[in-house]
Amino acid sequence: MLGRRGEQLAVTYLQRRGYTVLARNVRSRHGELDLIVRDARALVFVEVKTRRVSAAQRAIRTDQQPLLGLGSRQRARLRRLAAAWLCDQRDSRPRARDIRIDAIGVVLDTDAKLRTIEHVEDVA
């Protein structure tokens, strides 16, 4: 439930910035891509990380930042998943000038209200 709420907030955030959502929760035998979106020039694979903090907590501690957990192994996995999706011949794939992998960190309070959202482009 926490992850789904974070993904929905990430979708809303991206759509407000002009991105079009192509797919959500794309599963393969190697793992899952949270979002596949595009804007005017790029096809973007998006990893969404969501964390919860106390509603009474004023500041978000460094150790509660969701994107800190995006290590080199996970970035490599995201590159493999994106490459596998692009090579899959079952469906046609959109063309784009650029392809990149972004990450969005979402922090919610215990009432499921958005505290912060951070979008980092080209993480992998």
PDB file of N, CA and C in Angstrom:
ATOM      1  N   MET A   1       0.815  -1.192   0.000  1.00  0.00           N
ATOM      2  CA  MET A   1       0.000   0.000   0.000  1.00  0.00           C
ATOM      3  C   MET A   1       0.864   1.263   0.000  1.00  0.00           C
ATOM      4  N   LEU A   2       1.920   1.267   0.792  1.00  0.00           N
ATOM      5  CA  LEU A   2       2.811   2.418   0.852  1.00  0.00           C
ATOM      6  C   LEU A   2       3.443   2.668  -0.517  1.00  0.00           C
ATOM      7  N   GLY A   3       3.943   1.602  -1.131  1.00  0.00           N
ATOM      8  CA  GLY A   3       4.568   1.728  -2.442  1.00  0.00           C
ATOM      9  C   GLY A   3       3.598   2.199  -3.516  1.00  0.00           C
ATOM     10  N   ARG A   4       2.395   1.686  -3.492  1.00  0.00           N
ATOM     11  CA  ARG A   4       1.387   2.095  -4.485  1.00  0.00           C
ATOM     12  C   ARG A   4       1.021   3.564  -4.330  1.00  0.00           C
ATOM     13  N   ARG A   5       0.910   4.024  -3.093  1.00  0.00           N
ATOM     14  CA  ARG A   5       0.604   5.442  -2.851  1.00  0.00           C
ATOM     15  C   ARG A   5       1.751   6.313  -3.372  1.00  0.00           C
ATOM     16  N   GLY A   6       2.979   5.895  -3.104  1.00  0.00           N
ATOM     17  CA  GLY A   6       4.134   6.639  -3.607  1.00  0.00           C
ATOM     18  C   GLY A   6       4.182   6.675  -5.120  1.00  0.00           C
ATOM     19  N   GLU A   7       3.884   5.543  -5.752  1.00  0.00           N
ATOM     20  CA  GLU A   7       3.875   5.496  -7.216  1.00  0.00           C
ATOM     21  C   GLU A   7       2.791   6.401  -7.797  1.00  0.00           C
ATOM     22  N   GLN A   8       1.620   6.420  -7.173  1.00  0.00           N
ATOM     23  CA  GLN A   8       0.552   7.279  -7.676  1.00  0.00           C
ATOM     24  C   GLN A   8       0.938   8.756  -7.551  1.00  0.00           C
ATOM     25  N   LEU A   9       1.557   9.126  -6.450  1.00  0.00           N
ATOM     26  CA  LEU A   9       2.022  10.506  -6.290  1.00  0.00           C
ATOM     27  C   LEU A   9       3.111  10.839  -7.311  1.00  0.00           C
ATOM     28  N   ALA A  10       3.975   9.874  -7.600  1.00  0.00           N
ATOM     29  CA  ALA A  10       5.016  10.083  -8.614  1.00  0.00           C
ATOM     30  C   ALA A  10       4.394  10.266  -9.993  1.00  0.00           C
ATOM     31  N   VAL A  11       3.370   9.484 -10.314  1.00  0.00           N
ATOM     32  CA  VAL A  11       2.672   9.621 -11.601  1.00  0.00           C
ATOM     33  C   VAL A  11       2.066  11.015 -11.722  1.00  0.00           C
ATOM     34  N   THR A  12       1.384  11.460 -10.679  1.00  0.00           N
ATOM     35  CA  THR A  12       0.774  12.796 -10.697  1.00  0.00           C
ATOM     36  C   THR A  12       1.841  13.872 -10.877  1.00  0.00           C
ATOM     37  N   TYR A  13       2.931  13.732 -10.147  1.00  0.00           N
ATOM     38  CA  TYR A  13       4.051  14.679 -10.252  1.00  0.00           C
ATOM     39  C   TYR A  13       4.576  14.750 -11.683  1.00  0.00           C
ATOM     40  N   LEU A  14       4.810  13.575 -12.290  1.00  0.00           N
ATOM     41  CA  LEU A  14       5.351  13.529 -13.651  1.00  0.00           C
ATOM     42  C   LEU A  14       4.364  14.078 -14.676  1.00  0.00           C
ATOM     43  N   GLN A  15       3.101  13.722 -14.543  1.00  0.00           N
ATOM     44  CA  GLN A  15       2.096  14.212 -15.489  1.00  0.00           C
ATOM     45  C   GLN A  15       1.984  15.733 -15.437  1.00  0.00           C
ATOM     46  N   ARG A  16       2.087  16.303 -14.272  1.00  0.00           N
ATOM     47  CA  ARG A  16       2.038  17.770 -14.145  1.00  0.00           C
ATOM     48  C   ARG A  16       3.237  18.438 -14.807  1.00  0.00           C
ATOM     49  N   ARG A  17       4.288  17.687 -14.999  1.00  0.00           N
ATOM     50  CA  ARG A  17       5.492  18.209 -15.645  1.00  0.00           C
ATOM     51  C   ARG A  17       5.577  17.820 -17.116  1.00  0.00           C
ATOM     52  N   GLY A  18       4.489  17.317 -17.674  1.00  0.00           N
ATOM     53  CA  GLY A  18       4.416  17.062 -19.099  1.00  0.00           C
ATOM     54  C   GLY A  18       4.798  15.669 -19.557  1.00  0.00           C
ATOM     55  N   TYR A  19       5.041  14.755 -18.636  1.00  0.00           N
ATOM     56  CA  TYR A  19       5.360  13.381 -19.009  1.00  0.00           C
ATOM     57  C   TYR A  19       4.073  12.615 -19.310  1.00  0.00           C
ATOM     58  N   THR A  20       4.188  11.645 -20.196  1.00  0.00           N
ATOM     59  CA  THR A  20       3.090  10.731 -20.504  1.00  0.00           C
ATOM     60  C   THR A  20       3.460   9.364 -19.948  1.00  0.00           C
ATOM     61  N   VAL A  21       2.570   8.775 -19.198  1.00  0.00           N
ATOM     62  CA  VAL A  21       2.818   7.446 -18.623  1.00  0.00           C
ATOM     63  C   VAL A  21       2.512   6.397 -19.674  1.00  0.00           C
ATOM     64  N   LEU A  22       3.497   5.563 -19.974  1.00  0.00           N
ATOM     65  CA  LEU A  22       3.334   4.485 -20.947  1.00  0.00           C
ATOM     66  C   LEU A  22       2.997   3.155 -20.276  1.00  0.00           C
ATOM     67  N   ALA A  23       3.570   2.926 -19.104  1.00  0.00           N
ATOM     68  CA  ALA A  23       3.345   1.653 -18.407  1.00  0.00           C
ATOM     69  C   ALA A  23       3.681   1.800 -16.933  1.00  0.00           C
ATOM     70  N   ARG A  24       3.011   0.957 -16.135  1.00  0.00           N
ATOM     71  CA  ARG A  24       3.261   0.913 -14.695  1.00  0.00           C
ATOM     72  C   ARG A  24       3.482  -0.530 -14.284  1.00  0.00           C
ATOM     73  N   ASN A  25       4.383  -0.723 -13.347  1.00  0.00           N
ATOM     74  CA  ASN A  25       4.648  -2.038 -12.753  1.00  0.00           C
ATOM     75  C   ASN A  25       4.866  -3.115 -13.809  1.00  0.00           C
ATOM     76  N   VAL A  26       5.830  -2.897 -14.672  1.00  0.00           N
ATOM     77  CA  VAL A  26       6.163  -3.842 -15.734  1.00  0.00           C
ATOM     78  C   VAL A  26       7.045  -4.933 -15.140  1.00  0.00           C
ATOM     79  N   ARG A  27       6.501  -6.145 -15.126  1.00  0.00           N
ATOM     80  CA  ARG A  27       7.220  -7.263 -14.513  1.00  0.00           C
ATOM     81  C   ARG A  27       7.880  -8.141 -15.575  1.00  0.00           C
ATOM     82  N   SER A  28       9.036  -8.648 -15.198  1.00  0.00           N
ATOM     83  CA  SER A  28       9.710  -9.663 -16.006  1.00  0.00           C
ATOM     84  C   SER A  28      10.317 -10.670 -15.038  1.00  0.00           C
ATOM     85  N   ARG A  29      10.958 -11.664 -15.573  1.00  0.00           N
ATOM     86  CA  ARG A  29      11.571 -12.666 -14.687  1.00  0.00           C
ATOM     87  C   ARG A  29      12.744 -12.090 -13.908  1.00  0.00           C
ATOM     88  N   HIS A  30      13.233 -10.935 -14.325  1.00  0.00           N
ATOM     89  CA  HIS A  30      14.384 -10.306 -13.675  1.00  0.00           C
ATOM     90  C   HIS A  30      13.992  -9.266 -12.637  1.00  0.00           C
ATOM     91  N   GLY A  31      12.728  -8.877 -12.593  1.00  0.00           N
ATOM     92  CA  GLY A  31      12.301  -7.864 -11.635  1.00  0.00           C
ATOM     93  C   GLY A  31      11.182  -7.009 -12.189  1.00  0.00           C
ATOM     94  N   GLU A  32      11.049  -5.806 -11.637  1.00  0.00           N
ATOM     95  CA  GLU A  32       9.946  -4.932 -12.015  1.00  0.00           C
ATOM     96  C   GLU A  32      10.438  -3.507 -12.249  1.00  0.00           C
ATOM     97  N   LEU A  33       9.911  -2.906 -13.304  1.00  0.00           N
ATOM     98  CA  LEU A  33      10.098  -1.482 -13.565  1.00  0.00           C
ATOM     99  C   LEU A  33       8.861  -0.771 -13.031  1.00  0.00           C
ATOM    100  N   ASP A  34       9.051   0.219 -12.153  1.00  0.00           N
ATOM    101  CA  ASP A  34       7.901   0.895 -11.549  1.00  0.00           C
ATOM    102  C   ASP A  34       7.111   1.681 -12.581  1.00  0.00           C
ATOM    103  N   LEU A  35       7.793   2.547 -13.327  1.00  0.00           N
ATOM    104  CA  LEU A  35       7.114   3.390 -14.316  1.00  0.00           C
ATOM    105  C   LEU A  35       7.947   3.496 -15.579  1.00  0.00           C
ATOM    106  N   ILE A  36       7.261   3.559 -16.709  1.00  0.00           N
ATOM    107  CA  ILE A  36       7.899   3.906 -17.975  1.00  0.00           C
ATOM    108  C   ILE A  36       7.117   5.098 -18.502  1.00  0.00           C
ATOM    109  N   VAL A  37       7.825   6.212 -18.695  1.00  0.00           N
ATOM    110  CA  VAL A  37       7.179   7.455 -19.119  1.00  0.00           C
ATOM    111  C   VAL A  37       7.977   8.058 -20.269  1.00  0.00           C
ATOM    112  N   ARG A  38       7.405   9.088 -20.886  1.00  0.00           N
ATOM    113  CA  ARG A  38       8.143   9.808 -21.912  1.00  0.00           C
ATOM    114  C   ARG A  38       7.766  11.276 -21.863  1.00  0.00           C
ATOM    115  N   ASP A  39       8.706  12.084 -22.295  1.00  0.00           N
ATOM    116  CA  ASP A  39       8.415  13.499 -22.501  1.00  0.00           C
ATOM    117  C   ASP A  39       8.736  13.803 -23.956  1.00  0.00           C
ATOM    118  N   ALA A  40       8.907  15.046 -24.307  1.00  0.00           N
ATOM    119  CA  ALA A  40       9.094  15.426 -25.705  1.00  0.00           C
ATOM    120  C   ALA A  40      10.338  14.812 -26.335  1.00  0.00           C
ATOM    121  N   ARG A  41      11.347  14.509 -25.549  1.00  0.00           N
ATOM    122  CA  ARG A  41      12.593  14.014 -26.140  1.00  0.00           C
ATOM    123  C   ARG A  41      13.126  12.702 -25.569  1.00  0.00           C
ATOM    124  N   ALA A  42      12.588  12.236 -24.433  1.00  0.00           N
ATOM    125  CA  ALA A  42      13.206  11.073 -23.790  1.00  0.00           C
ATOM    126  C   ALA A  42      12.177  10.013 -23.397  1.00  0.00           C
ATOM    127  N   LEU A  43      12.631   8.772 -23.467  1.00  0.00           N
ATOM    128  CA  LEU A  43      11.931   7.634 -22.895  1.00  0.00           C
ATOM    129  C   LEU A  43      12.596   7.413 -21.546  1.00  0.00           C
ATOM    130  N   VAL A  44      11.799   7.375 -20.478  1.00  0.00           N
ATOM    131  CA  VAL A  44      12.364   7.368 -19.136  1.00  0.00           C
ATOM    132  C   VAL A  44      11.825   6.186 -18.337  1.00  0.00           C
ATOM    133  N   PHE A  45      12.730   5.435 -17.746  1.00  0.00           N
ATOM    134  CA  PHE A  45      12.396   4.357 -16.826  1.00  0.00           C
ATOM    135  C   PHE A  45      12.551   4.946 -15.425  1.00  0.00           C
ATOM    136  N   VAL A  46      11.510   4.829 -14.596  1.00  0.00           N
ATOM    137  CA  VAL A  46      11.501   5.509 -13.308  1.00  0.00           C
ATOM    138  C   VAL A  46      11.389   4.503 -12.173  1.00  0.00           C
ATOM    139  N   GLU A  47      12.327   4.584 -11.243  1.00  0.00           N
ATOM    140  CA  GLU A  47      12.286   3.809 -10.007  1.00  0.00           C
ATOM    141  C   GLU A  47      11.713   4.726  -8.929  1.00  0.00           C
ATOM    142  N   VAL A  48      10.691   4.252  -8.228  1.00  0.00           N
ATOM    143  CA  VAL A  48      10.054   5.037  -7.178  1.00  0.00           C
ATOM    144  C   VAL A  48      10.362   4.393  -5.829  1.00  0.00           C
ATOM    145  N   LYS A  49      10.890   5.192  -4.914  1.00  0.00           N
ATOM    146  CA  LYS A  49      11.180   4.737  -3.551  1.00  0.00           C
ATOM    147  C   LYS A  49      10.328   5.563  -2.601  1.00  0.00           C
ATOM    148  N   THR A  50       9.603   4.893  -1.728  1.00  0.00           N
ATOM    149  CA  THR A  50       8.703   5.582  -0.819  1.00  0.00           C
ATOM    150  C   THR A  50       9.045   5.222   0.627  1.00  0.00           C
ATOM    151  N   ARG A  51       9.042   6.238   1.493  1.00  0.00           N
ATOM    152  CA  ARG A  51       9.280   6.048   2.920  1.00  0.00           C
ATOM    153  C   ARG A  51       8.191   6.762   3.708  1.00  0.00           C
ATOM    154  N   ARG A  52       8.007   6.328   4.946  1.00  0.00           N
ATOM    155  CA  ARG A  52       7.012   6.931   5.830  1.00  0.00           C
ATOM    156  C   ARG A  52       7.727   7.483   7.055  1.00  0.00           C
ATOM    157  N   VAL A  53       7.293   8.664   7.483  1.00  0.00           N
ATOM    158  CA  VAL A  53       7.812   9.272   8.711  1.00  0.00           C
ATOM    159  C   VAL A  53       6.625   9.655   9.588  1.00  0.00           C
ATOM    160  N   SER A  54       6.887   9.923  10.830  1.00  0.00           N
ATOM    161  CA  SER A  54       5.844  10.324  11.765  1.00  0.00           C
ATOM    162  C   SER A  54       5.225  11.652  11.343  1.00  0.00           C
ATOM    163  N   ALA A  55       3.921  11.751  11.483  1.00  0.00           N
ATOM    164  CA  ALA A  55       3.231  12.998  11.149  1.00  0.00           C
ATOM    165  C   ALA A  55       3.692  14.134  12.052  1.00  0.00           C
ATOM    166  N   ALA A  56       4.119  13.807  13.264  1.00  0.00           N
ATOM    167  CA  ALA A  56       4.571  14.831  14.214  1.00  0.00           C
ATOM    168  C   ALA A  56       6.019  15.269  13.968  1.00  0.00           C
ATOM    169  N   GLN A  57       6.736  14.514  13.201  1.00  0.00           N
ATOM    170  CA  GLN A  57       8.145  14.806  12.945  1.00  0.00           C
ATOM    171  C   GLN A  57       8.269  16.033  12.051  1.00  0.00           C
ATOM    172  N   ARG A  58       9.026  17.010  12.496  1.00  0.00           N
ATOM    173  CA  ARG A  58       9.149  18.253  11.732  1.00  0.00           C
ATOM    174  C   ARG A  58      10.093  18.127  10.553  1.00  0.00           C
ATOM    175  N   ALA A  59      11.260  17.606  10.784  1.00  0.00           N
ATOM    176  CA  ALA A  59      12.268  17.487   9.726  1.00  0.00           C
ATOM    177  C   ALA A  59      12.488  16.020   9.383  1.00  0.00           C
ATOM    178  N   ILE A  60      12.799  15.769   8.134  1.00  0.00           N
ATOM    179  CA  ILE A  60      13.090  14.403   7.685  1.00  0.00           C
ATOM    180  C   ILE A  60      14.582  14.175   7.850  1.00  0.00           C
ATOM    181  N   ARG A  61      14.923  13.153   8.627  1.00  0.00           N
ATOM    182  CA  ARG A  61      16.332  12.852   8.878  1.00  0.00           C
ATOM    183  C   ARG A  61      16.997  12.317   7.611  1.00  0.00           C
ATOM    184  N   THR A  62      18.292  12.452   7.554  1.00  0.00           N
ATOM    185  CA  THR A  62      19.054  11.978   6.400  1.00  0.00           C
ATOM    186  C   THR A  62      18.832  10.495   6.155  1.00  0.00           C
ATOM    187  N   ASP A  63      18.791   9.697   7.224  1.00  0.00           N
ATOM    188  CA  ASP A  63      18.610   8.250   7.058  1.00  0.00           C
ATOM    189  C   ASP A  63      17.200   7.880   6.597  1.00  0.00           C
ATOM    190  N   GLN A  64      16.281   8.842   6.540  1.00  0.00           N
ATOM    191  CA  GLN A  64      14.923   8.582   6.070  1.00  0.00           C
ATOM    192  C   GLN A  64      14.725   8.998   4.615  1.00  0.00           C
ATOM    193  N   GLN A  65      15.761   9.503   3.973  1.00  0.00           N
ATOM    194  CA  GLN A  65      15.670   9.899   2.568  1.00  0.00           C
ATOM    195  C   GLN A  65      15.566   8.644   1.709  1.00  0.00           C
ATOM    196  N   PRO A  66      14.514   8.512   0.927  1.00  0.00           N
ATOM    197  CA  PRO A  66      14.290   7.258   0.190  1.00  0.00           C
ATOM    198  C   PRO A  66      15.341   6.940  -0.865  1.00  0.00           C
ATOM    199  N   LEU A  67      15.936   7.937  -1.479  1.00  0.00           N
ATOM    200  CA  LEU A  67      16.867   7.647  -2.567  1.00  0.00           C
ATOM    201  C   LEU A  67      18.256   7.238  -2.090  1.00  0.00           C
ATOM    202  N   LEU A  68      18.516   7.312  -0.805  1.00  0.00           N
ATOM    203  CA  LEU A  68      19.795   6.851  -0.290  1.00  0.00           C
ATOM    204  C   LEU A  68      19.967   5.344  -0.466  1.00  0.00           C
ATOM    205  N   GLY A  69      18.862   4.625  -0.548  1.00  0.00           N
ATOM    206  CA  GLY A  69      18.912   3.178  -0.714  1.00  0.00           C
ATOM    207  C   GLY A  69      19.124   2.713  -2.136  1.00  0.00           C
ATOM    208  N   LEU A  70      19.290   3.632  -3.054  1.00  0.00           N
ATOM    209  CA  LEU A  70      19.463   3.268  -4.464  1.00  0.00           C
ATOM    210  C   LEU A  70      20.959   3.090  -4.745  1.00  0.00           C
ATOM    211  N   GLY A  71      21.440   1.892  -4.481  1.00  0.00           N
ATOM    212  CA  GLY A  71      22.859   1.604  -4.614  1.00  0.00           C
ATOM    213  C   GLY A  71      23.249   1.174  -6.013  1.00  0.00           C
ATOM    214  N   SER A  72      24.518   0.889  -6.183  1.00  0.00           N
ATOM    215  CA  SER A  72      25.055   0.536  -7.503  1.00  0.00           C
ATOM    216  C   SER A  72      24.454  -0.770  -8.028  1.00  0.00           C
ATOM    217  N   ARG A  73      24.195  -1.733  -7.169  1.00  0.00           N
ATOM    218  CA  ARG A  73      23.602  -2.992  -7.620  1.00  0.00           C
ATOM    219  C   ARG A  73      22.186  -2.777  -8.140  1.00  0.00           C
ATOM    220  N   GLN A  74      21.426  -1.932  -7.456  1.00  0.00           N
ATOM    221  CA  GLN A  74      20.063  -1.677  -7.912  1.00  0.00           C
ATOM    222  C   GLN A  74      20.070  -0.867  -9.206  1.00  0.00           C
ATOM    223  N   ARG A  75      20.990   0.070  -9.349  1.00  0.00           N
ATOM    224  CA  ARG A  75      21.081   0.828 -10.600  1.00  0.00           C
ATOM    225  C   ARG A  75      21.445  -0.093 -11.760  1.00  0.00           C
ATOM    226  N   ALA A  76      22.331  -1.038 -11.521  1.00  0.00           N
ATOM    227  CA  ALA A  76      22.688  -2.009 -12.561  1.00  0.00           C
ATOM    228  C   ALA A  76      21.480  -2.878 -12.922  1.00  0.00           C
ATOM    229  N   ARG A  77      20.695  -3.268 -11.921  1.00  0.00           N
ATOM    230  CA  ARG A  77      19.480  -4.053 -12.180  1.00  0.00           C
ATOM    231  C   ARG A  77      18.490  -3.248 -13.014  1.00  0.00           C
ATOM    232  N   LEU A  78      18.346  -1.976 -12.723  1.00  0.00           N
ATOM    233  CA  LEU A  78      17.447  -1.120 -13.496  1.00  0.00           C
ATOM    234  C   LEU A  78      17.900  -1.008 -14.949  1.00  0.00           C
ATOM    235  N   ARG A  79      19.199  -0.912 -15.173  1.00  0.00           N
ATOM    236  CA  ARG A  79      19.722  -0.871 -16.549  1.00  0.00           C
ATOM    237  C   ARG A  79      19.403  -2.167 -17.287  1.00  0.00           C
ATOM    238  N   ARG A  80      19.568  -3.309 -16.616  1.00  0.00           N
ATOM    239  CA  ARG A  80      19.250  -4.598 -17.243  1.00  0.00           C
ATOM    240  C   ARG A  80      17.762  -4.710 -17.555  1.00  0.00           C
ATOM    241  N   LEU A  81      16.916  -4.290 -16.627  1.00  0.00           N
ATOM    242  CA  LEU A  81      15.466  -4.344 -16.857  1.00  0.00           C
ATOM    243  C   LEU A  81      15.055  -3.444 -18.016  1.00  0.00           C
ATOM    244  N   ALA A  82      15.612  -2.251 -18.080  1.00  0.00           N
ATOM    245  CA  ALA A  82      15.282  -1.326 -19.168  1.00  0.00           C
ATOM    246  C   ALA A  82      15.735  -1.903 -20.509  1.00  0.00           C
ATOM    247  N   ALA A  83      16.937  -2.455 -20.548  1.00  0.00           N
ATOM    248  CA  ALA A  83      17.448  -3.036 -21.791  1.00  0.00           C
ATOM    249  C   ALA A  83      16.583  -4.219 -22.230  1.00  0.00           C
ATOM    250  N   ALA A  84      16.183  -5.048 -21.283  1.00  0.00           N
ATOM    251  CA  ALA A  84      15.331  -6.197 -21.619  1.00  0.00           C
ATOM    252  C   ALA A  84      13.989  -5.728 -22.164  1.00  0.00           C
ATOM    253  N   TRP A  85      13.415  -4.685 -21.573  1.00  0.00           N
ATOM    254  CA  TRP A  85      12.129  -4.165 -22.050  1.00  0.00           C
ATOM    255  C   TRP A  85      12.273  -3.606 -23.460  1.00  0.00           C
ATOM    256  N   LEU A  86      13.358  -2.899 -23.713  1.00  0.00           N
ATOM    257  CA  LEU A  86      13.574  -2.323 -25.044  1.00  0.00           C
ATOM    258  C   LEU A  86      13.771  -3.397 -26.111  1.00  0.00           C
ATOM    259  N   CYS A  87      14.371  -4.519 -25.726  1.00  0.00           N
ATOM    260  CA  CYS A  87      14.655  -5.597 -26.682  1.00  0.00           C
ATOM    261  C   CYS A  87      13.488  -6.556 -26.878  1.00  0.00           C
ATOM    262  N   ASP A  88      12.494  -6.489 -26.027  1.00  0.00           N
ATOM    263  CA  ASP A  88      11.347  -7.386 -26.120  1.00  0.00           C
ATOM    264  C   ASP A  88      10.611  -7.122 -27.436  1.00  0.00           C
ATOM    265  N   GLN A  89      10.431  -8.131 -28.230  1.00  0.00           N
ATOM    266  CA  GLN A  89       9.836  -7.997 -29.555  1.00  0.00           C
ATOM    267  C   GLN A  89       8.327  -8.230 -29.580  1.00  0.00           C
ATOM    268  N   ARG A  90       7.725  -8.564 -28.445  1.00  0.00           N
ATOM    269  CA  ARG A  90       6.291  -8.858 -28.432  1.00  0.00           C
ATOM    270  C   ARG A  90       5.438  -7.641 -28.754  1.00  0.00           C
ATOM    271  N   ASP A  91       5.847  -6.479 -28.311  1.00  0.00           N
ATOM    272  CA  ASP A  91       5.106  -5.243 -28.567  1.00  0.00           C
ATOM    273  C   ASP A  91       6.058  -4.233 -29.194  1.00  0.00           C
ATOM    274  N   SER A  92       5.504  -3.312 -29.960  1.00  0.00           N
ATOM    275  CA  SER A  92       6.356  -2.266 -30.514  1.00  0.00           C
ATOM    276  C   SER A  92       6.776  -1.323 -29.394  1.00  0.00           C
ATOM    277  N   ARG A  93       7.940  -0.776 -29.519  1.00  0.00           N
ATOM    278  CA  ARG A  93       8.489   0.125 -28.514  1.00  0.00           C
ATOM    279  C   ARG A  93       8.542   1.536 -29.069  1.00  0.00           C
ATOM    280  N   PRO A  94       8.281   2.528 -28.233  1.00  0.00           N
ATOM    281  CA  PRO A  94       8.326   3.912 -28.715  1.00  0.00           C
ATOM    282  C   PRO A  94       9.750   4.327 -29.036  1.00  0.00           C
ATOM    283  N   ARG A  95       9.876   5.231 -29.981  1.00  0.00           N
ATOM    284  CA  ARG A  95      11.178   5.787 -30.324  1.00  0.00           C
ATOM    285  C   ARG A  95      11.373   7.081 -29.556  1.00  0.00           C
ATOM    286  N   ALA A  96      12.613   7.344 -29.197  1.00  0.00           N
ATOM    287  CA  ALA A  96      12.929   8.571 -28.475  1.00  0.00           C
ATOM    288  C   ALA A  96      14.367   8.968 -28.769  1.00  0.00           C
ATOM    289  N   ARG A  97      14.620  10.258 -28.687  1.00  0.00           N
ATOM    290  CA  ARG A  97      15.993  10.744 -28.888  1.00  0.00           C
ATOM    291  C   ARG A  97      16.917  10.232 -27.795  1.00  0.00           C
ATOM    292  N   ASP A  98      16.422  10.273 -26.566  1.00  0.00           N
ATOM    293  CA  ASP A  98      17.217   9.879 -25.410  1.00  0.00           C
ATOM    294  C   ASP A  98      16.486   8.816 -24.617  1.00  0.00           C
ATOM    295  N   ILE A  99      17.262   8.017 -23.910  1.00  0.00           N
ATOM    296  CA  ILE A  99      16.727   7.035 -22.977  1.00  0.00           C
ATOM    297  C   ILE A  99      17.483   7.242 -21.679  1.00  0.00           C
ATOM    298  N   ARG A 100      16.743   7.289 -20.578  1.00  0.00           N
ATOM    299  CA  ARG A 100      17.426   7.460 -19.295  1.00  0.00           C
ATOM    300  C   ARG A 100      16.652   6.749 -18.191  1.00  0.00           C
ATOM    301  N   ILE A 101      17.307   6.639 -17.055  1.00  0.00           N
ATOM    302  CA  ILE A 101      16.699   6.049 -15.872  1.00  0.00           C
ATOM    303  C   ILE A 101      16.701   7.117 -14.785  1.00  0.00           C
ATOM    304  N   ASP A 102      15.512   7.419 -14.273  1.00  0.00           N
ATOM    305  CA  ASP A 102      15.343   8.411 -13.215  1.00  0.00           C
ATOM    306  C   ASP A 102      14.901   7.711 -11.937  1.00  0.00           C
ATOM    307  N   ALA A 103      14.992   8.441 -10.840  1.00  0.00           N
ATOM    308  CA  ALA A 103      14.483   7.953  -9.558  1.00  0.00           C
ATOM    309  C   ALA A 103      13.653   9.054  -8.914  1.00  0.00           C
ATOM    310  N   ILE A 104      12.587   8.638  -8.287  1.00  0.00           N
ATOM    311  CA  ILE A 104      11.748   9.569  -7.539  1.00  0.00           C
ATOM    312  C   ILE A 104      11.630   9.053  -6.114  1.00  0.00           C
ATOM    313  N   GLY A 105      11.977   9.910  -5.176  1.00  0.00           N
ATOM    314  CA  GLY A 105      11.850   9.599  -3.756  1.00  0.00           C
ATOM    315  C   GLY A 105      10.635  10.304  -3.192  1.00  0.00           C
ATOM    316  N   VAL A 106       9.776   9.549  -2.535  1.00  0.00           N
ATOM    317  CA  VAL A 106       8.546  10.083  -1.957  1.00  0.00           C
ATOM    318  C   VAL A 106       8.584   9.829  -0.455  1.00  0.00           C
ATOM    319  N   VAL A 107       8.303  10.868   0.323  1.00  0.00           N
ATOM    320  CA  VAL A 107       8.193  10.716   1.770  1.00  0.00           C
ATOM    321  C   VAL A 107       6.777  11.098   2.173  1.00  0.00           C
ATOM    322  N   LEU A 108       6.110  10.152   2.849  1.00  0.00           N
ATOM    323  CA  LEU A 108       4.745  10.348   3.342  1.00  0.00           C
ATOM    324  C   LEU A 108       4.772  10.379   4.861  1.00  0.00           C
ATOM    325  N   ASP A 109       3.784  11.036   5.455  1.00  0.00           N
ATOM    326  CA  ASP A 109       3.661  10.939   6.899  1.00  0.00           C
ATOM    327  C   ASP A 109       2.738   9.769   7.240  1.00  0.00           C
ATOM    328  N   THR A 110       2.530   9.542   8.510  1.00  0.00           N
ATOM    329  CA  THR A 110       1.735   8.386   8.932  1.00  0.00           C
ATOM    330  C   THR A 110       0.262   8.508   8.550  1.00  0.00           C
ATOM    331  N   ASP A 111      -0.167   9.699   8.124  1.00  0.00           N
ATOM    332  CA  ASP A 111      -1.522   9.888   7.617  1.00  0.00           C
ATOM    333  C   ASP A 111      -1.579   9.749   6.100  1.00  0.00           C
ATOM    334  N   ALA A 112      -0.492   9.267   5.490  1.00  0.00           N
ATOM    335  CA  ALA A 112      -0.353   9.065   4.042  1.00  0.00           C
ATOM    336  C   ALA A 112      -0.377  10.375   3.259  1.00  0.00           C
ATOM    337  N   LYS A 113      -0.050  11.473   3.914  1.00  0.00           N
ATOM    338  CA  LYS A 113       0.040  12.761   3.229  1.00  0.00           C
ATOM    339  C   LYS A 113       1.469  12.993   2.766  1.00  0.00           C
ATOM    340  N   LEU A 114       1.584  13.597   1.600  1.00  0.00           N
ATOM    341  CA  LEU A 114       2.893  13.851   1.002  1.00  0.00           C
ATOM    342  C   LEU A 114       3.672  14.865   1.822  1.00  0.00           C
ATOM    343  N   ARG A 115       4.899  14.479   2.196  1.00  0.00           N
ATOM    344  CA  ARG A 115       5.812  15.413   2.861  1.00  0.00           C
ATOM    345  C   ARG A 115       6.794  16.004   1.852  1.00  0.00           C
ATOM    346  N   THR A 116       7.458  15.120   1.093  1.00  0.00           N
ATOM    347  CA  THR A 116       8.393  15.593   0.075  1.00  0.00           C
ATOM    348  C   THR A 116       8.384  14.643  -1.116  1.00  0.00           C
ATOM    349  N   ILE A 117       8.773  15.196  -2.261  1.00  0.00           N
ATOM    350  CA  ILE A 117       8.988  14.374  -3.443  1.00  0.00           C
ATOM    351  C   ILE A 117      10.252  14.923  -4.117  1.00  0.00           C
ATOM    352  N   GLU A 118      11.148  14.015  -4.471  1.00  0.00           N
ATOM    353  CA  GLU A 118      12.417  14.396  -5.089  1.00  0.00           C
ATOM    354  C   GLU A 118      12.596  13.597  -6.367  1.00  0.00           C
ATOM    355  N   HIS A 119      12.883  14.288  -7.452  1.00  0.00           N
ATOM    356  CA  HIS A 119      13.070  13.651  -8.760  1.00  0.00           C
ATOM    357  C   HIS A 119      14.519  13.873  -9.178  1.00  0.00           C
ATOM    358  N   VAL A 120      15.232  12.770  -9.366  1.00  0.00           N
ATOM    359  CA  VAL A 120      16.610  12.823  -9.815  1.00  0.00           C
ATOM    360  C   VAL A 120      16.693  12.170 -11.189  1.00  0.00           C
ATOM    361  N   GLU A 121      17.157  12.916 -12.151  1.00  0.00           N
ATOM    362  CA  GLU A 121      17.264  12.398 -13.523  1.00  0.00           C
ATOM    363  C   GLU A 121      18.595  11.674 -13.715  1.00  0.00           C
ATOM    364  N   ASP A 122      18.545  10.672 -14.580  1.00  0.00           N
ATOM    365  CA  ASP A 122      19.751   9.966 -15.033  1.00  0.00           C
ATOM    366  C   ASP A 122      20.577   9.381 -13.880  1.00  0.00           C
ATOM    367  N   VAL A 123      19.945   8.520 -13.098  1.00  0.00           N
ATOM    368  CA  VAL A 123      20.626   7.931 -11.938  1.00  0.00           C
ATOM    369  C   VAL A 123      21.444   6.688 -12.278  1.00  0.00           C
ATOM    370  N   ALA A 124      21.180   6.105 -13.431  1.00  0.00           N
ATOM    371  CA  ALA A 124      21.904   4.855 -13.753  1.00  0.00           C
ATOM    372  C   ALA A 124      22.624   4.975 -15.081  1.00  0.00           C
TER     373      ALA A 124
END
